[in-house]
Amino acid sequence: MDGTPFIPEQITVHLGTPDSNAPNVTVSFPDYIKNVISSEIYPTWPENSMRANIYAAVSFALNRIYTEWYRSRGYDFDITNSTQFDQAFVNGREIFQPVSVLVDELFNSYLRRPGNVEPLFAAFCNGTTVTCEGLSQWGTVDLAKQGFTPYEILTYYYGDNLEIVQDAPIAPNVPSYPDRPLREGDSSDDVRAIQIRLRRIAKNYPAIPVIPDTDGVFGAPTAAAVEEFQRIFSLPATGVVDQSTWYKIEYIYNSVKR
């Protein structure tokens, strides 16, 4: 739940809208980005345009993983292939060679705001049939033809307060929920993570008792805070952090800290 974002070795994609009865596929992260870019843009576009689009696609996917956007809602995947919610992915499609070469170079680089750890939620659209408050894919072509660098293209759409993190570490993508519920009497880093989040959430929801110490010890104050959190968000008020409570805390924490 804490720490620096990493590039996952693999990503699990739901082949449909979030609630559809569609299968999941798990692929390597570079292969996922190669598929997305091959599905979203054309390999004949200027290189700087393709680079800007790759940075955006990597950042978008990493944001979904880092915030556990879908897993915190009870889904068993990291992202969908529905462009209504996420970015295009066509299982088994051909990958364009120019795209493959660039992704191999850039898949472990992503965008973020200065002072933030979280990868940028880099929204984008094609800019012709669909427009949005983010990067215009066709617009990147025009900017590249005008001589814009990839970074200049990205700041044109996302603003000047933008950093490119390069050579991010690669690690297995393991869901953050521990292997068992947390309850009074437990002591661990996972308990401390919950305490930190509940203290921050309590600033927005003052009915939640403030936990005096984020010491990783699940005592009565932590149980009381968990129980009140559960009441507020319509979960069984047990004072035990089960999977549903864990991911609800993660979801609310990510919402309030923004």
C-alpha atoms as a PDB file:
ATOM      1  CA  MET A   1       0.000   0.000   0.000  1.00  0.00           C
ATOM      2  CA  ASP A   2       2.971   2.328   0.592  1.00  0.00           C
ATOM      3  CA  GLY A   3       6.225   2.858  -1.255  1.00  0.00           C
ATOM      4  CA  THR A   4       7.518   3.865  -4.639  1.00  0.00           C
ATOM      5  CA  PRO A   5       5.570   2.708  -7.700  1.00  0.00           C
ATOM      6  CA  PHE A   6       7.145  -0.150  -9.603  1.00  0.00           C
ATOM      7  CA  ILE A   7       6.723  -1.636 -13.034  1.00  0.00           C
ATOM      8  CA  PRO A   8       4.777  -4.891 -12.618  1.00  0.00           C
ATOM      9  CA  GLU A   9       6.124  -7.998 -14.248  1.00  0.00           C
ATOM     10  CA  GLN A  10       2.571  -8.834 -15.348  1.00  0.00           C
ATOM     11  CA  ILE A  11      -0.834  -7.181 -15.602  1.00  0.00           C
ATOM     12  CA  THR A  12      -4.269  -8.831 -15.617  1.00  0.00           C
ATOM     13  CA  VAL A  13      -6.685  -7.429 -18.201  1.00  0.00           C
ATOM     14  CA  HIS A  14     -10.461  -7.941 -18.200  1.00  0.00           C
ATOM     15  CA  LEU A  15     -11.615  -8.341 -21.805  1.00  0.00           C
ATOM     16  CA  GLY A  16     -14.758  -6.241 -21.477  1.00  0.00           C
ATOM     17  CA  THR A  17     -16.433  -3.608 -19.328  1.00  0.00           C
ATOM     18  CA  PRO A  18     -15.842  -4.037 -15.579  1.00  0.00           C
ATOM     19  CA  ASP A  19     -19.111  -5.845 -14.811  1.00  0.00           C
ATOM     20  CA  SER A  20     -19.264  -7.921 -17.990  1.00  0.00           C
ATOM     21  CA  ASN A  21     -18.999 -11.694 -17.926  1.00  0.00           C
ATOM     22  CA  ALA A  22     -15.763 -11.646 -19.911  1.00  0.00           C
ATOM     23  CA  PRO A  23     -12.519 -13.547 -19.374  1.00  0.00           C
ATOM     24  CA  ASN A  24      -9.315 -12.152 -17.913  1.00  0.00           C
ATOM     25  CA  VAL A  25      -5.889 -12.530 -19.497  1.00  0.00           C
ATOM     26  CA  THR A  26      -2.550 -12.018 -17.780  1.00  0.00           C
ATOM     27  CA  VAL A  27       0.340 -10.781 -19.915  1.00  0.00           C
ATOM     28  CA  SER A  28       3.737  -9.222 -19.304  1.00  0.00           C
ATOM     29  CA  PHE A  29       3.579  -5.466 -18.742  1.00  0.00           C
ATOM     30  CA  PRO A  30       5.722  -4.583 -21.804  1.00  0.00           C
ATOM     31  CA  ASP A  31       3.558  -6.831 -24.000  1.00  0.00           C
ATOM     32  CA  TYR A  32       0.451  -5.125 -22.632  1.00  0.00           C
ATOM     33  CA  ILE A  33       1.783  -1.664 -23.519  1.00  0.00           C
ATOM     34  CA  LYS A  34       2.854  -2.862 -26.984  1.00  0.00           C
ATOM     35  CA  ASN A  35      -0.670  -4.173 -27.568  1.00  0.00           C
ATOM     36  CA  VAL A  36      -2.305  -0.963 -26.318  1.00  0.00           C
ATOM     37  CA  ILE A  37      -0.145   1.295 -28.476  1.00  0.00           C
ATOM     38  CA  SER A  38      -0.588  -0.942 -31.532  1.00  0.00           C
ATOM     39  CA  SER A  39      -4.356  -0.782 -30.934  1.00  0.00           C
ATOM     40  CA  GLU A  40      -4.515   2.957 -30.221  1.00  0.00           C
ATOM     41  CA  ILE A  41      -2.195   4.650 -32.744  1.00  0.00           C
ATOM     42  CA  TYR A  42      -0.456   4.082 -36.076  1.00  0.00           C
ATOM     43  CA  PRO A  43       3.183   2.961 -36.489  1.00  0.00           C
ATOM     44  CA  THR A  44       3.650   5.532 -39.267  1.00  0.00           C
ATOM     45  CA  TRP A  45       3.200   8.428 -36.830  1.00  0.00           C
ATOM     46  CA  PRO A  46       6.265  10.571 -35.985  1.00  0.00           C
ATOM     47  CA  GLU A  47       8.507   8.971 -33.385  1.00  0.00           C
ATOM     48  CA  ASN A  48       8.056  11.805 -30.877  1.00  0.00           C
ATOM     49  CA  SER A  49       4.291  11.376 -31.145  1.00  0.00           C
ATOM     50  CA  MET A  50       4.580   7.644 -30.481  1.00  0.00           C
ATOM     51  CA  ARG A  51       6.893   8.268 -27.530  1.00  0.00           C
ATOM     52  CA  ALA A  52       4.450  10.706 -25.949  1.00  0.00           C
ATOM     53  CA  ASN A  53       1.611   8.206 -26.352  1.00  0.00           C
ATOM     54  CA  ILE A  54       3.691   5.427 -24.773  1.00  0.00           C
ATOM     55  CA  TYR A  55       4.474   7.578 -21.718  1.00  0.00           C
ATOM     56  CA  ALA A  56       0.751   8.295 -21.339  1.00  0.00           C
ATOM     57  CA  ALA A  57      -0.301   4.646 -21.734  1.00  0.00           C
ATOM     58  CA  VAL A  58       2.301   3.418 -19.222  1.00  0.00           C
ATOM     59  CA  SER A  59       1.301   6.075 -16.681  1.00  0.00           C
ATOM     60  CA  PHE A  60      -2.407   5.326 -17.068  1.00  0.00           C
ATOM     61  CA  ALA A  61      -1.883   1.597 -16.471  1.00  0.00           C
ATOM     62  CA  LEU A  62       0.470   2.164 -13.532  1.00  0.00           C
ATOM     63  CA  ASN A  63      -2.052   4.496 -11.907  1.00  0.00           C
ATOM     64  CA  ARG A  64      -4.682   1.761 -12.091  1.00  0.00           C
ATOM     65  CA  ILE A  65      -2.258  -0.700 -10.501  1.00  0.00           C
ATOM     66  CA  TYR A  66      -0.776   1.642  -7.868  1.00  0.00           C
ATOM     67  CA  THR A  67      -4.196   2.780  -6.634  1.00  0.00           C
ATOM     68  CA  GLU A  68      -5.597  -0.775  -6.985  1.00  0.00           C
ATOM     69  CA  TRP A  69      -8.505   0.932  -8.720  1.00  0.00           C
ATOM     70  CA  TYR A  70     -10.353  -2.265  -9.633  1.00  0.00           C
ATOM     71  CA  ARG A  71      -9.094  -4.596  -6.903  1.00  0.00           C
ATOM     72  CA  SER A  72     -10.227  -2.086  -4.261  1.00  0.00           C
ATOM     73  CA  ARG A  73     -13.722  -2.486  -5.706  1.00  0.00           C
ATOM     74  CA  GLY A  74     -13.681  -6.267  -5.433  1.00  0.00           C
ATOM     75  CA  TYR A  75     -12.645  -7.123  -9.014  1.00  0.00           C
ATOM     76  CA  ASP A  76      -9.982  -9.750  -9.735  1.00  0.00           C
ATOM     77  CA  PHE A  77      -8.145  -7.786 -12.439  1.00  0.00           C
ATOM     78  CA  ASP A  78      -5.981  -4.666 -12.788  1.00  0.00           C
ATOM     79  CA  ILE A  79      -7.520  -2.987 -15.829  1.00  0.00           C
ATOM     80  CA  THR A  80     -10.111  -3.523 -18.572  1.00  0.00           C
ATOM     81  CA  ASN A  81      -9.786  -3.323 -22.333  1.00  0.00           C
ATOM     82  CA  SER A  82     -12.886  -1.125 -22.606  1.00  0.00           C
ATOM     83  CA  THR A  83     -11.993   2.329 -23.940  1.00  0.00           C
ATOM     84  CA  GLN A  84     -15.039   3.620 -22.065  1.00  0.00           C
ATOM     85  CA  PHE A  85     -13.084   3.025 -18.860  1.00  0.00           C
ATOM     86  CA  ASP A  86      -9.464   2.323 -19.770  1.00  0.00           C
ATOM     87  CA  GLN A  87      -7.377   1.835 -22.919  1.00  0.00           C
ATOM     88  CA  ALA A  88      -7.671  -0.457 -25.900  1.00  0.00           C
ATOM     89  CA  PHE A  89      -6.233  -3.984 -25.758  1.00  0.00           C
ATOM     90  CA  VAL A  90      -6.968  -6.602 -28.419  1.00  0.00           C
ATOM     91  CA  ASN A  91      -5.962 -10.010 -27.159  1.00  0.00           C
ATOM     92  CA  GLY A  92      -3.702 -11.813 -29.648  1.00  0.00           C
ATOM     93  CA  ARG A  93      -3.345  -8.922 -32.057  1.00  0.00           C
ATOM     94  CA  GLU A  94      -0.277  -8.228 -34.218  1.00  0.00           C
ATOM     95  CA  ILE A  95       2.274  -5.883 -32.660  1.00  0.00           C
ATOM     96  CA  PHE A  96       3.861  -3.255 -34.912  1.00  0.00           C
ATOM     97  CA  GLN A  97       7.669  -3.475 -34.988  1.00  0.00           C
ATOM     98  CA  PRO A  98       8.324   0.284 -34.517  1.00  0.00           C
ATOM     99  CA  VAL A  99       6.014   0.213 -31.499  1.00  0.00           C
ATOM    100  CA  SER A 100       7.761  -2.847 -30.043  1.00  0.00           C
ATOM    101  CA  VAL A 101      11.193  -1.198 -30.270  1.00  0.00           C
ATOM    102  CA  LEU A 102      10.055   2.005 -28.558  1.00  0.00           C
ATOM    103  CA  VAL A 103       8.118   0.224 -25.811  1.00  0.00           C
ATOM    104  CA  ASP A 104      11.154  -1.919 -24.972  1.00  0.00           C
ATOM    105  CA  GLU A 105      12.974   1.368 -24.341  1.00  0.00           C
ATOM    106  CA  LEU A 106      10.204   3.228 -22.481  1.00  0.00           C
ATOM    107  CA  PHE A 107       8.012   0.715 -20.626  1.00  0.00           C
ATOM    108  CA  ASN A 108       9.731   1.459 -17.288  1.00  0.00           C
ATOM    109  CA  SER A 109       9.231   5.247 -17.503  1.00  0.00           C
ATOM    110  CA  TYR A 110       6.117   7.072 -16.356  1.00  0.00           C
ATOM    111  CA  LEU A 111       4.670  10.517 -15.613  1.00  0.00           C
ATOM    112  CA  ARG A 112       3.936  12.093 -12.226  1.00  0.00           C
ATOM    113  CA  ARG A 113       3.389  15.489 -10.650  1.00  0.00           C
ATOM    114  CA  PRO A 114       6.386  16.967  -8.772  1.00  0.00           C
ATOM    115  CA  GLY A 115       6.162  16.057  -5.104  1.00  0.00           C
ATOM    116  CA  ASN A 116       3.755  13.185  -5.792  1.00  0.00           C
ATOM    117  CA  VAL A 117       4.561   9.484  -5.728  1.00  0.00           C
ATOM    118  CA  GLU A 118       1.471   8.309  -7.600  1.00  0.00           C
ATOM    119  CA  PRO A 119       1.792   7.806 -11.380  1.00  0.00           C
ATOM    120  CA  LEU A 120      -0.217  10.387 -13.308  1.00  0.00           C
ATOM    121  CA  PHE A 121      -3.731   9.380 -14.343  1.00  0.00           C
ATOM    122  CA  ALA A 122      -2.820  10.272 -17.916  1.00  0.00           C
ATOM    123  CA  ALA A 123      -6.212  10.452 -19.622  1.00  0.00           C
ATOM    124  CA  PHE A 124      -6.164  10.495 -23.412  1.00  0.00           C
ATOM    125  CA  CYS A 125      -8.480  10.166 -26.405  1.00  0.00           C
ATOM    126  CA  ASN A 126      -8.154  10.150 -30.158  1.00  0.00           C
ATOM    127  CA  GLY A 127      -8.989  13.848 -30.443  1.00  0.00           C
ATOM    128  CA  THR A 128     -11.238  13.411 -33.475  1.00  0.00           C
ATOM    129  CA  THR A 129     -14.329  11.292 -32.804  1.00  0.00           C
ATOM    130  CA  VAL A 130     -13.735  11.608 -29.041  1.00  0.00           C
ATOM    131  CA  THR A 131     -12.311  14.589 -27.147  1.00  0.00           C
ATOM    132  CA  CYS A 132     -11.319  14.793 -23.498  1.00  0.00           C
ATOM    133  CA  GLU A 133      -9.420  16.819 -20.911  1.00  0.00           C
ATOM    134  CA  GLY A 134      -6.187  15.024 -21.655  1.00  0.00           C
ATOM    135  CA  LEU A 135      -3.870  14.087 -24.461  1.00  0.00           C
ATOM    136  CA  SER A 136      -5.228  14.116 -28.005  1.00  0.00           C
ATOM    137  CA  GLN A 137      -3.609  11.249 -29.886  1.00  0.00           C
ATOM    138  CA  TRP A 138      -4.040  12.836 -33.304  1.00  0.00           C
ATOM    139  CA  GLY A 139      -3.007  16.159 -31.802  1.00  0.00           C
ATOM    140  CA  THR A 140       0.345  14.665 -30.856  1.00  0.00           C
ATOM    141  CA  VAL A 141       0.993  14.034 -34.552  1.00  0.00           C
ATOM    142  CA  ASP A 142       0.564  17.712 -35.416  1.00  0.00           C
ATOM    143  CA  LEU A 143       2.754  18.800 -32.503  1.00  0.00           C
ATOM    144  CA  ALA A 144       5.498  16.313 -33.417  1.00  0.00           C
ATOM    145  CA  LYS A 145       5.453  17.587 -36.997  1.00  0.00           C
ATOM    146  CA  GLN A 146       5.949  21.090 -35.566  1.00  0.00           C
ATOM    147  CA  GLY A 147       9.124  19.877 -33.860  1.00  0.00           C
ATOM    148  CA  PHE A 148       7.806  19.340 -30.330  1.00  0.00           C
ATOM    149  CA  THR A 149       9.800  16.894 -28.204  1.00  0.00           C
ATOM    150  CA  PRO A 150       7.904  14.111 -26.369  1.00  0.00           C
ATOM    151  CA  TYR A 151       8.149  16.092 -23.101  1.00  0.00           C
ATOM    152  CA  GLU A 152       6.885  19.273 -24.799  1.00  0.00           C
ATOM    153  CA  ILE A 153       3.959  17.321 -26.253  1.00  0.00           C
ATOM    154  CA  LEU A 154       3.102  15.933 -22.825  1.00  0.00           C
ATOM    155  CA  THR A 155       3.310  19.298 -21.056  1.00  0.00           C
ATOM    156  CA  TYR A 156       1.150  20.826 -23.797  1.00  0.00           C
ATOM    157  CA  TYR A 157      -1.676  18.533 -22.657  1.00  0.00           C
ATOM    158  CA  TYR A 158      -0.928  17.836 -18.991  1.00  0.00           C
ATOM    159  CA  GLY A 159       0.684  21.111 -17.907  1.00  0.00           C
ATOM    160  CA  ASP A 160       4.220  22.188 -17.090  1.00  0.00           C
ATOM    161  CA  ASN A 161       4.214  20.635 -13.609  1.00  0.00           C
ATOM    162  CA  LEU A 162       5.189  17.244 -14.983  1.00  0.00           C
ATOM    163  CA  GLU A 163       8.059  14.849 -14.348  1.00  0.00           C
ATOM    164  CA  ILE A 164       9.157  11.783 -16.264  1.00  0.00           C
ATOM    165  CA  VAL A 165      10.397   9.050 -13.927  1.00  0.00           C
ATOM    166  CA  GLN A 166      12.859   6.809 -15.751  1.00  0.00           C
ATOM    167  CA  ASP A 167      14.226   3.341 -15.003  1.00  0.00           C
ATOM    168  CA  ALA A 168      11.545   2.501 -12.443  1.00  0.00           C
ATOM    169  CA  PRO A 169      12.143  -0.811 -10.637  1.00  0.00           C
ATOM    170  CA  ILE A 170      10.426  -3.970 -11.846  1.00  0.00           C
ATOM    171  CA  ALA A 171       8.679  -6.247  -9.339  1.00  0.00           C
ATOM    172  CA  PRO A 172       5.901  -8.855  -9.161  1.00  0.00           C
ATOM    173  CA  ASN A 173       2.402  -7.374  -9.050  1.00  0.00           C
ATOM    174  CA  VAL A 174       1.103  -8.748  -5.750  1.00  0.00           C
ATOM    175  CA  PRO A 175      -2.256  -7.502  -4.380  1.00  0.00           C
ATOM    176  CA  SER A 176      -1.679  -5.469  -1.216  1.00  0.00           C
ATOM    177  CA  TYR A 177      -4.230  -7.280   0.961  1.00  0.00           C
ATOM    178  CA  PRO A 178      -2.411  -9.522   3.467  1.00  0.00           C
ATOM    179  CA  ASP A 179      -3.085 -13.242   3.557  1.00  0.00           C
ATOM    180  CA  ARG A 180      -5.488 -12.989   6.505  1.00  0.00           C
ATOM    181  CA  PRO A 181      -7.771 -10.429   8.216  1.00  0.00           C
ATOM    182  CA  LEU A 182      -6.211  -7.983  10.664  1.00  0.00           C
ATOM    183  CA  ARG A 183      -7.717  -7.818  14.149  1.00  0.00           C
ATOM    184  CA  GLU A 184      -7.076  -6.590  17.664  1.00  0.00           C
ATOM    185  CA  GLY A 185      -3.863  -8.073  19.051  1.00  0.00           C
ATOM    186  CA  ASP A 186      -2.068  -8.151  15.691  1.00  0.00           C
ATOM    187  CA  SER A 187       1.186  -6.286  15.149  1.00  0.00           C
ATOM    188  CA  SER A 188       2.680  -5.701  11.685  1.00  0.00           C
ATOM    189  CA  ASP A 189       3.552  -3.212   8.952  1.00  0.00           C
ATOM    190  CA  ASP A 190       0.133  -3.925   7.433  1.00  0.00           C
ATOM    191  CA  VAL A 191      -1.495  -2.724  10.653  1.00  0.00           C
ATOM    192  CA  ARG A 192       0.632   0.425  10.531  1.00  0.00           C
ATOM    193  CA  ALA A 193      -0.454   1.056   6.921  1.00  0.00           C
ATOM    194  CA  ILE A 194      -4.098   0.830   7.981  1.00  0.00           C
ATOM    195  CA  GLN A 195      -3.471   3.179  10.916  1.00  0.00           C
ATOM    196  CA  ILE A 196      -1.819   5.781   8.660  1.00  0.00           C
ATOM    197  CA  ARG A 197      -4.724   5.669   6.230  1.00  0.00           C
ATOM    198  CA  LEU A 198      -7.423   5.856   8.883  1.00  0.00           C
ATOM    199  CA  ARG A 199      -5.718   8.856  10.521  1.00  0.00           C
ATOM    200  CA  ARG A 200      -5.761  10.669   7.166  1.00  0.00           C
ATOM    201  CA  ILE A 201      -9.348   9.631   6.399  1.00  0.00           C
ATOM    202  CA  ALA A 202     -10.456  10.873   9.834  1.00  0.00           C
ATOM    203  CA  LYS A 203      -9.587  14.442   8.763  1.00  0.00           C
ATOM    204  CA  ASN A 204     -12.443  14.218   6.250  1.00  0.00           C
ATOM    205  CA  TYR A 205     -14.663  11.979   8.372  1.00  0.00           C
ATOM    206  CA  PRO A 206     -14.250  13.305  11.945  1.00  0.00           C
ATOM    207  CA  ALA A 207     -16.648  10.706  13.373  1.00  0.00           C
ATOM    208  CA  ILE A 208     -13.776   8.220  13.011  1.00  0.00           C
ATOM    209  CA  PRO A 209     -11.770   8.189  16.283  1.00  0.00           C
ATOM    210  CA  VAL A 210      -8.213   9.388  15.738  1.00  0.00           C
ATOM    211  CA  ILE A 211      -5.656   6.631  16.298  1.00  0.00           C
ATOM    212  CA  PRO A 212      -3.071   8.153  18.679  1.00  0.00           C
ATOM    213  CA  ASP A 213      -0.053   6.135  17.512  1.00  0.00           C
ATOM    214  CA  THR A 214       0.738   4.623  14.113  1.00  0.00           C
ATOM    215  CA  ASP A 215       2.913   1.996  15.760  1.00  0.00           C
ATOM    216  CA  GLY A 216       1.699  -1.086  13.917  1.00  0.00           C
ATOM    217  CA  VAL A 217      -0.016  -2.463  17.033  1.00  0.00           C
ATOM    218  CA  PHE A 218      -3.716  -3.244  16.531  1.00  0.00           C
ATOM    219  CA  GLY A 219      -5.094  -2.103  19.877  1.00  0.00           C
ATOM    220  CA  ALA A 220      -8.486  -0.876  21.022  1.00  0.00           C
ATOM    221  CA  PRO A 221      -8.131   2.603  19.404  1.00  0.00           C
ATOM    222  CA  THR A 222      -7.436   1.045  16.005  1.00  0.00           C
ATOM    223  CA  ALA A 223     -10.356  -1.382  16.402  1.00  0.00           C
ATOM    224  CA  ALA A 224     -12.658   1.535  17.277  1.00  0.00           C
ATOM    225  CA  ALA A 225     -11.512   3.495  14.230  1.00  0.00           C
ATOM    226  CA  VAL A 226     -12.005   0.488  11.952  1.00  0.00           C
ATOM    227  CA  GLU A 227     -15.461  -0.158  13.363  1.00  0.00           C
ATOM    228  CA  GLU A 228     -16.609   3.436  12.847  1.00  0.00           C
ATOM    229  CA  PHE A 229     -15.152   3.446   9.318  1.00  0.00           C
ATOM    230  CA  GLN A 230     -17.149   0.309   8.591  1.00  0.00           C
ATOM    231  CA  ARG A 231     -20.348   1.915   9.886  1.00  0.00           C
ATOM    232  CA  ILE A 232     -19.849   5.026   7.760  1.00  0.00           C
ATOM    233  CA  PHE A 233     -19.252   3.027   4.590  1.00  0.00           C
ATOM    234  CA  SER A 234     -21.956   0.403   5.131  1.00  0.00           C
ATOM    235  CA  LEU A 235     -19.687  -2.531   5.908  1.00  0.00           C
ATOM    236  CA  PRO A 236     -20.292  -5.047   8.729  1.00  0.00           C
ATOM    237  CA  ALA A 237     -19.060  -3.193  11.850  1.00  0.00           C
ATOM    238  CA  THR A 238     -16.779  -5.925  13.185  1.00  0.00           C
ATOM    239  CA  GLY A 239     -13.643  -3.906  13.890  1.00  0.00           C
ATOM    240  CA  VAL A 240     -11.758  -6.509  11.844  1.00  0.00           C
ATOM    241  CA  VAL A 241      -9.986  -5.510   8.621  1.00  0.00           C
ATOM    242  CA  ASP A 242     -11.105  -8.152   6.150  1.00  0.00           C
ATOM    243  CA  GLN A 243     -10.523  -7.910   2.395  1.00  0.00           C
ATOM    244  CA  SER A 244     -13.564  -5.703   1.757  1.00  0.00           C
ATOM    245  CA  THR A 245     -12.582  -3.288   4.532  1.00  0.00           C
ATOM    246  CA  TRP A 246      -8.920  -3.236   3.468  1.00  0.00           C
ATOM    247  CA  TYR A 247      -9.722  -2.214  -0.089  1.00  0.00           C
ATOM    248  CA  LYS A 248     -12.440   0.234   0.992  1.00  0.00           C
ATOM    249  CA  ILE A 249      -9.892   1.962   3.230  1.00  0.00           C
ATOM    250  CA  GLU A 250      -7.465   2.048   0.303  1.00  0.00           C
ATOM    251  CA  TYR A 251     -10.133   3.490  -2.008  1.00  0.00           C
ATOM    252  CA  ILE A 252     -11.264   6.196   0.430  1.00  0.00           C
ATOM    253  CA  TYR A 253      -7.662   7.068   1.309  1.00  0.00           C
ATOM    254  CA  ASN A 254      -6.763   7.566  -2.358  1.00  0.00           C
ATOM    255  CA  SER A 255      -9.895   9.702  -2.780  1.00  0.00           C
ATOM    256  CA  VAL A 256      -9.324  12.032   0.187  1.00  0.00           C
ATOM    257  CA  LYS A 257      -5.616  12.557  -0.316  1.00  0.00           C
ATOM    258  CA  ARG A 258      -6.338  14.011  -3.744  1.00  0.00           C
END
